[in-house]
Each structure stands twice: as structure tokens, then as C-alpha cells.
Protein backbone atom coordinates (compact mmCIF):
# COMPACT_ATOMS: atom_id res chain seq x y z
CA MET A 1 118.07 82.11 116.44
CA SER A 2 117.82 84.11 113.25
CA ILE A 3 118.16 87.88 113.26
CA PRO A 4 114.82 89.47 112.33
CA SER A 5 115.07 90.90 108.85
CA LEU A 6 113.21 94.06 109.94
CA ILE A 7 116.24 95.25 111.89
CA VAL A 8 118.82 94.33 109.29
CA SER A 9 116.93 96.10 106.53
CA THR A 10 116.81 99.38 108.42
CA VAL A 11 120.55 99.77 108.87
CA ASN A 12 122.28 100.05 105.51
CA GLY A 13 121.97 99.40 101.81
CA PRO A 14 119.69 101.06 99.27
CA ILE A 15 116.24 102.14 100.37
CA SER A 16 112.95 101.82 98.54
CA ARG A 17 111.19 104.72 96.90
CA GLY A 18 108.59 106.51 98.99
CA ASN A 19 109.11 108.82 101.95
CA LEU A 20 112.88 109.04 101.60
CA ARG A 21 113.39 111.46 104.49
CA GLN A 22 111.57 109.20 106.93
CA GLN A 23 113.41 106.12 105.71
CA VAL A 24 116.82 107.77 105.95
CA THR A 25 115.93 109.07 109.41
CA SER A 26 115.07 105.54 110.54
CA ARG A 27 118.29 104.13 109.05
CA ILE A 28 120.46 106.64 110.87
CA LEU A 29 118.57 106.10 114.11
CA ALA A 30 119.03 102.32 113.86
CA ALA A 31 122.76 102.80 113.27
CA VAL A 32 123.06 105.08 116.31
CA PHE A 33 121.11 102.73 118.59
CA GLN A 34 123.05 99.67 117.41
CA GLY A 35 126.45 101.30 117.78
CA GLY A 36 127.21 101.79 114.10
CA PHE A 37 127.48 105.55 114.63
CA HIS A 38 129.15 106.42 117.92
CA SER A 39 128.88 109.50 120.11
CA GLY A 40 131.00 112.32 118.68
CA GLN A 41 131.16 110.82 115.20
CA ARG A 42 130.81 113.27 112.34
CA LEU A 43 128.22 112.38 109.71
CA VAL A 44 128.96 113.62 106.21
CA VAL A 45 126.02 114.12 103.89
CA GLN A 46 127.77 112.80 100.79
CA ARG A 47 128.91 109.62 102.53
CA LEU A 48 125.40 108.93 103.85
CA SER A 49 124.01 109.61 100.38
CA GLU A 50 126.30 106.96 98.95
CA LEU A 51 125.55 104.48 101.74
CA TYR A 52 121.78 104.70 101.27
CA GLU A 53 121.91 105.36 97.51
CA VAL A 54 119.81 108.51 97.66
CA SER A 55 120.41 112.14 96.74
CA PRO A 56 121.80 114.50 99.40
CA THR A 57 118.43 116.23 99.88
CA PRO A 58 116.65 113.53 101.97
CA VAL A 59 119.87 113.05 103.97
CA ARG A 60 119.99 116.76 104.85
CA GLU A 61 116.30 116.68 105.75
CA ALA A 62 116.83 113.59 107.93
CA LEU A 63 119.72 115.24 109.79
CA VAL A 64 117.62 118.33 110.48
CA GLU A 65 114.89 116.04 111.85
CA LEU A 66 117.40 114.16 114.00
CA ALA A 67 118.81 117.43 115.32
CA ALA A 68 115.31 118.46 116.42
CA LEU A 69 115.01 115.12 118.23
CA GLY A 70 118.36 115.59 119.98
CA ILE A 71 120.14 112.70 118.26
CA VAL A 72 122.69 114.79 116.36
CA GLU A 73 123.99 118.33 116.58
CA LEU A 74 124.33 120.45 113.45
CA LEU A 75 127.56 122.42 113.34
CA PRO A 76 128.17 125.32 110.91
CA ASN A 77 130.26 124.15 107.95
CA ARG A 78 130.88 120.77 109.59
CA GLY A 79 127.69 118.81 109.00
CA ALA A 80 126.29 116.76 111.89
CA VAL A 81 127.85 115.15 114.97
CA VAL A 82 126.24 112.26 116.85
CA LEU A 83 125.27 113.18 120.43
CA PRO A 84 125.53 110.80 123.41
CA PHE A 85 122.56 108.47 123.79
CA GLY A 86 121.79 106.50 126.94
CA PRO A 87 119.22 105.94 129.71
CA GLN A 88 118.79 109.66 130.39
CA GLN A 89 117.88 110.33 126.77
CA VAL A 90 115.37 107.44 126.83
CA ARG A 91 113.72 109.00 129.91
CA GLU A 92 113.55 112.40 128.24
CA ILE A 93 111.97 110.91 125.12
CA SER A 94 109.47 109.06 127.30
CA GLN A 95 108.57 112.27 129.12
CA ILE A 96 107.81 114.07 125.87
CA ARG A 97 105.87 111.10 124.48
CA ARG A 98 103.72 110.95 127.61
CA VAL A 99 102.80 114.61 127.28
CA LEU A 100 102.02 114.30 123.57
CA GLU A 101 100.33 110.91 123.41
CA ALA A 102 98.33 111.14 126.62
CA GLU A 103 96.79 114.33 125.27
CA GLY A 104 96.43 112.77 121.82
CA THR A 105 94.63 109.78 123.34
CA ARG A 106 92.34 112.05 125.34
CA CYS A 107 91.46 114.03 122.19
CA ALA A 108 91.05 110.92 120.03
CA CYS A 109 88.52 109.40 122.42
CA GLY A 110 85.16 109.38 120.64
CA ARG A 111 86.74 110.20 117.27
CA ILE A 112 87.89 106.68 116.34
CA LEU A 113 85.35 104.47 114.55
CA PRO A 114 83.97 101.79 116.91
CA ALA A 115 84.55 99.17 114.21
CA ASP A 116 88.26 100.02 114.10
CA LEU A 117 88.58 99.71 117.87
CA GLU A 118 86.62 96.45 117.89
CA ALA A 119 88.88 94.94 115.21
CA LEU A 120 92.00 96.01 117.08
CA GLN A 121 90.64 94.66 120.36
CA GLN A 122 89.97 91.25 118.81
CA ASP A 123 93.43 91.19 117.24
CA LEU A 124 95.05 91.97 120.61
CA ILE A 125 92.97 89.37 122.47
CA GLN A 126 93.93 86.69 119.97
CA LEU A 127 97.57 87.80 120.09
CA GLY A 128 97.59 87.56 123.89
CA SER A 129 96.64 83.88 123.71
CA ARG A 130 99.52 82.95 121.40
CA PRO A 131 102.86 81.60 122.66
CA GLN A 132 105.84 83.94 122.80
CA ASP A 133 107.96 83.66 119.69
CA GLU A 134 109.39 85.78 116.87
CA HIS A 135 106.14 85.71 114.88
CA ARG A 136 104.05 86.87 117.83
CA ASP A 137 106.54 89.62 118.55
CA ARG A 138 106.39 90.79 114.94
CA ASP A 139 102.60 90.95 115.05
CA ALA A 140 102.70 92.71 118.43
CA ARG A 141 104.87 95.45 116.92
CA THR A 142 102.47 95.71 113.98
CA PHE A 143 99.50 96.27 116.31
CA ASP A 144 101.57 98.67 118.41
CA THR A 145 102.19 100.76 115.29
CA LYS A 146 98.52 100.54 114.33
CA LEU A 147 97.21 101.67 117.73
CA HIS A 148 99.57 104.61 118.16
CA GLY A 149 99.04 105.65 114.55
CA LEU A 150 95.27 105.46 114.87
CA ILE A 151 95.33 107.69 117.93
CA SER A 152 97.69 110.15 116.25
CA ILE A 153 95.56 110.66 113.13
CA SER A 154 92.33 110.81 115.18
CA CYS A 155 93.35 113.45 117.74
CA GLY A 156 91.84 116.32 115.73
CA SER A 157 94.97 118.49 115.66
CA ALA A 158 97.34 118.50 112.71
CA ARG A 159 100.14 119.99 114.83
CA LEU A 160 99.73 117.43 117.58
CA THR A 161 99.67 114.63 115.01
CA ALA A 162 102.92 115.93 113.48
CA GLU A 163 104.69 116.06 116.85
CA ILE A 164 103.44 112.63 117.92
CA ASP A 165 104.58 111.13 114.62
CA ARG A 166 108.06 112.67 114.93
CA TYR A 167 108.63 110.94 118.24
CA LEU A 168 106.97 107.74 117.06
CA THR A 169 109.58 107.47 114.29
CA LEU A 170 112.31 107.65 116.92
CA PHE A 171 110.58 105.32 119.36
CA ARG A 172 109.74 102.64 116.79
CA THR A 173 113.39 102.34 115.82
CA LEU A 174 114.35 102.09 119.50
CA ARG A 175 111.60 99.52 119.97
CA ASP A 176 112.79 97.36 117.08
CA VAL A 177 116.41 97.37 118.26
CA SER A 178 115.26 96.58 121.81
CA HIS A 179 113.11 93.67 120.62
CA LEU A 180 116.04 92.28 118.66
CA ARG A 181 118.11 92.19 121.84
CA ASP A 182 115.22 90.76 123.83
CA ALA A 183 115.04 87.79 121.45
CA ALA A 184 117.45 86.03 123.81
CA THR A 185 114.70 85.97 126.47
CA ASN A 186 112.03 85.04 123.91
CA TYR A 187 110.72 88.62 124.07
CA SER A 188 109.54 88.15 127.67
CA ARG A 189 110.50 91.70 128.70
CA SER A 190 108.94 93.33 125.64
CA ASP A 191 105.40 91.97 125.95
CA ASP A 192 103.05 94.95 126.20
CA VAL A 193 99.95 93.47 124.55
CA SER A 194 97.88 93.81 127.74
CA GLU A 195 98.81 97.50 128.01
CA HIS A 196 97.66 98.16 124.45
CA LEU A 197 94.44 96.29 125.16
CA GLU A 198 93.77 98.47 128.21
CA VAL A 199 94.08 101.62 126.08
CA VAL A 200 91.69 100.20 123.48
CA VAL A 201 89.10 99.18 126.10
CA LYS A 202 89.12 102.65 127.68
CA LEU A 203 88.66 104.20 124.23
CA GLN A 204 85.74 101.88 123.57
CA GLU A 205 84.18 102.93 126.86
CA LEU A 206 84.59 106.60 125.84
CA ASP A 207 86.61 107.10 129.02
CA ALA A 208 88.96 109.85 127.82
CA GLU A 209 90.79 110.28 131.13
CA GLY A 210 91.08 106.55 131.66
CA ALA A 211 92.47 106.09 128.15
CA ALA A 212 94.98 108.90 128.67
CA GLN A 213 96.12 107.37 131.97
CA ALA A 214 96.44 103.95 130.34
CA MET A 215 98.59 105.46 127.59
CA ASP A 216 100.74 107.27 130.15
CA HIS A 217 101.26 104.00 132.05
CA HIS A 218 102.11 102.16 128.82
CA ILE A 219 104.75 104.69 127.76
CA ARG A 220 106.32 104.69 131.26
CA SER A 221 106.46 100.89 131.16
CA ALA A 222 107.94 100.88 127.64
CA SER A 223 110.63 103.34 128.74
CA LYS A 224 111.66 101.11 131.66
CA THR A 225 111.82 98.11 129.34
CA LEU A 226 114.02 99.98 126.88
CA GLU A 227 116.43 100.93 129.66
CA GLU A 228 116.54 97.39 130.97
CA VAL A 229 117.04 95.72 127.60
CA LEU A 230 119.41 98.23 126.01
CA PHE A 231 121.48 99.56 128.89
CA SER A 232 121.44 97.22 131.89
CA ALA A 233 124.38 94.95 132.68
CA GLN A 234 122.27 92.03 131.45
CA ALA A 235 121.50 93.70 128.13
CA ALA A 236 124.59 92.44 126.30
CA PRO A 237 123.35 90.37 123.34
CA GLY A 238 124.28 86.73 123.13
CA PRO A 239 126.19 85.14 120.25
CA ASP A 240 123.03 84.74 118.15
CA ALA A 241 122.19 88.43 118.51
CA ALA A 242 125.65 89.85 117.95
CA PRO A 243 125.92 93.52 117.00
CA LEU A 244 124.81 93.93 113.41
CA LEU A 245 127.15 96.79 112.69
CA ASN A 246 130.77 97.50 113.02
CA ASN A 247 131.55 101.18 113.41
CA LEU A 248 130.56 102.82 110.15
CA ASP A 249 133.31 105.12 108.94
CA LEU A 250 131.51 108.04 107.36
CA GLU A 251 134.04 110.71 108.24
CA SER A 252 136.49 112.03 105.73
CA ASP A 253 139.74 110.09 105.37
CA PRO A 254 142.97 111.82 106.40
CA GLY A 255 144.03 114.11 103.61
CA GLU A 256 140.78 113.67 101.72
CA SER A 257 139.02 116.88 100.77
CA VAL A 258 135.33 116.35 101.43
CA GLU A 259 132.87 119.15 100.94
CA VAL A 260 130.80 119.07 104.12
CA ASP A 261 127.39 120.55 103.75
CA GLY A 262 127.03 123.60 105.94
CA ASP A 263 123.58 124.58 104.75
CA LEU A 264 121.64 121.85 106.52
């Protein structure tokens, strides 16, 4: 089984032009979730800049974003240190997402164009009839991104949109790493097409409370799947889904004088 290129491309190497902060944030998240950056490891801005071939500015911005999400801790004159990440952190992220996205779904009800919901519904129905494989999983993640993004931009609150999007960046990276590991079961544990369809149907019916409840249920279910796939005793990847990263040494070498950014 081949390793999906989506995951590989988000770990290391140069990044494309565009929203550099968001791309660097996603790269660091992928490295943390795949074990490339371990708990307690110190992340040096200059080393990350060289790894991703960007200037220090988007790296600093990404570390500030990751600190706000509880992934790293910023220490005065020492840069950033990776915090522990496990099932408890997944539950906490899920709790925040439920608060944000259930309310976002409630507010977006009636604001999304019926044609957009109809198109998404038809895409999800067709997807549900396809056999489980890598291509179906890729399309399922695409529609997942589309649905959550559509709700976010349609909620009518710029602040709520910003907060939803911050946690979506984190969750999508977790989702992609989880789906990579679930490839060994042909993505059987990661199939949430019916949950997305339920949210869309409630939105079409202009049932704001029903849509919010469907979103809450979906996020709870996704959280349980992440825990099962990433942290259960059965979550160890097989030989075809071996860890993509060895530990990335981004700390200063013994005796090396590295100027660590303290003004993050």
C-alpha cells in the first residue's frame, strides 16, 4: 500500500508560496502528531526556517499560533518547547470544537445557498455508494473540508469564523495523520460520510438545532475515532504505513552557539 502523498508533503521540505504561516503551522503539527517532534523537544526558529526554506517570520507566527492551541510552550529567550500530546489533548480539542462549530452550524443555518447544500448533498450521496479505498478516502476528506469551511464562512461572525478556522487547521492535520494509519483497515474506522450528510440534510431543512446537534455528534464521533486510531494498542501502523519521520533534530548541537529567538 502506498503512503498518501498528502501526508508526506506536509512534513518537511520546501513549501509553496501562499499563506506561509498556515503552511508552516500544518507542517509542525504533522511532525508532532507523527512523532518527528517529541514532547519536551526544543524548536529553534532558525532550524525550522532552514527545514521549510522560509524566512523566520512565518515560523515565529506559526509557533505563536501553536502555543495558543496548546501544542508548544513559548519560553523567554529559549524559543518553543513541544508539549505532551495524547488522548486527553484530543478530548480537549474536541470539546472546544463542539462549542465553536455547533454554534457556527446553528448560526449558518439559513445563510448557506441552497444550491451549495444541494451540490454537497449529491456529492456525499454518490461518495457513500463507492467502495472503500484510498481514492474514496481522499474525496471524503475533501468534502469534509468543504462542509466545515462552508459553515465557518457562513456563520455571520468574523470572530467565530477565525476561532473555528484555527481549530480546523489543527484538526485537519490530526485527521490526515489518522487516516494514514487507518489505511491498514481500508479506512473502515474513518468513514464519516453519513455524519456529514446528516448535517447537510438538517441545514437544508432549516433545522438549526438539529444541524447543531448533528455537528456535535459528528465531532464527538471523530474524536473517538482519532483516539482509537492514534493511541489504542491496535493503532501501531503496519509495515506499509511505517512512521514517516525519524526524530527531527532541530535543537542546537553541543557547543554550537545558536541565537534562539526570544521575541516570539
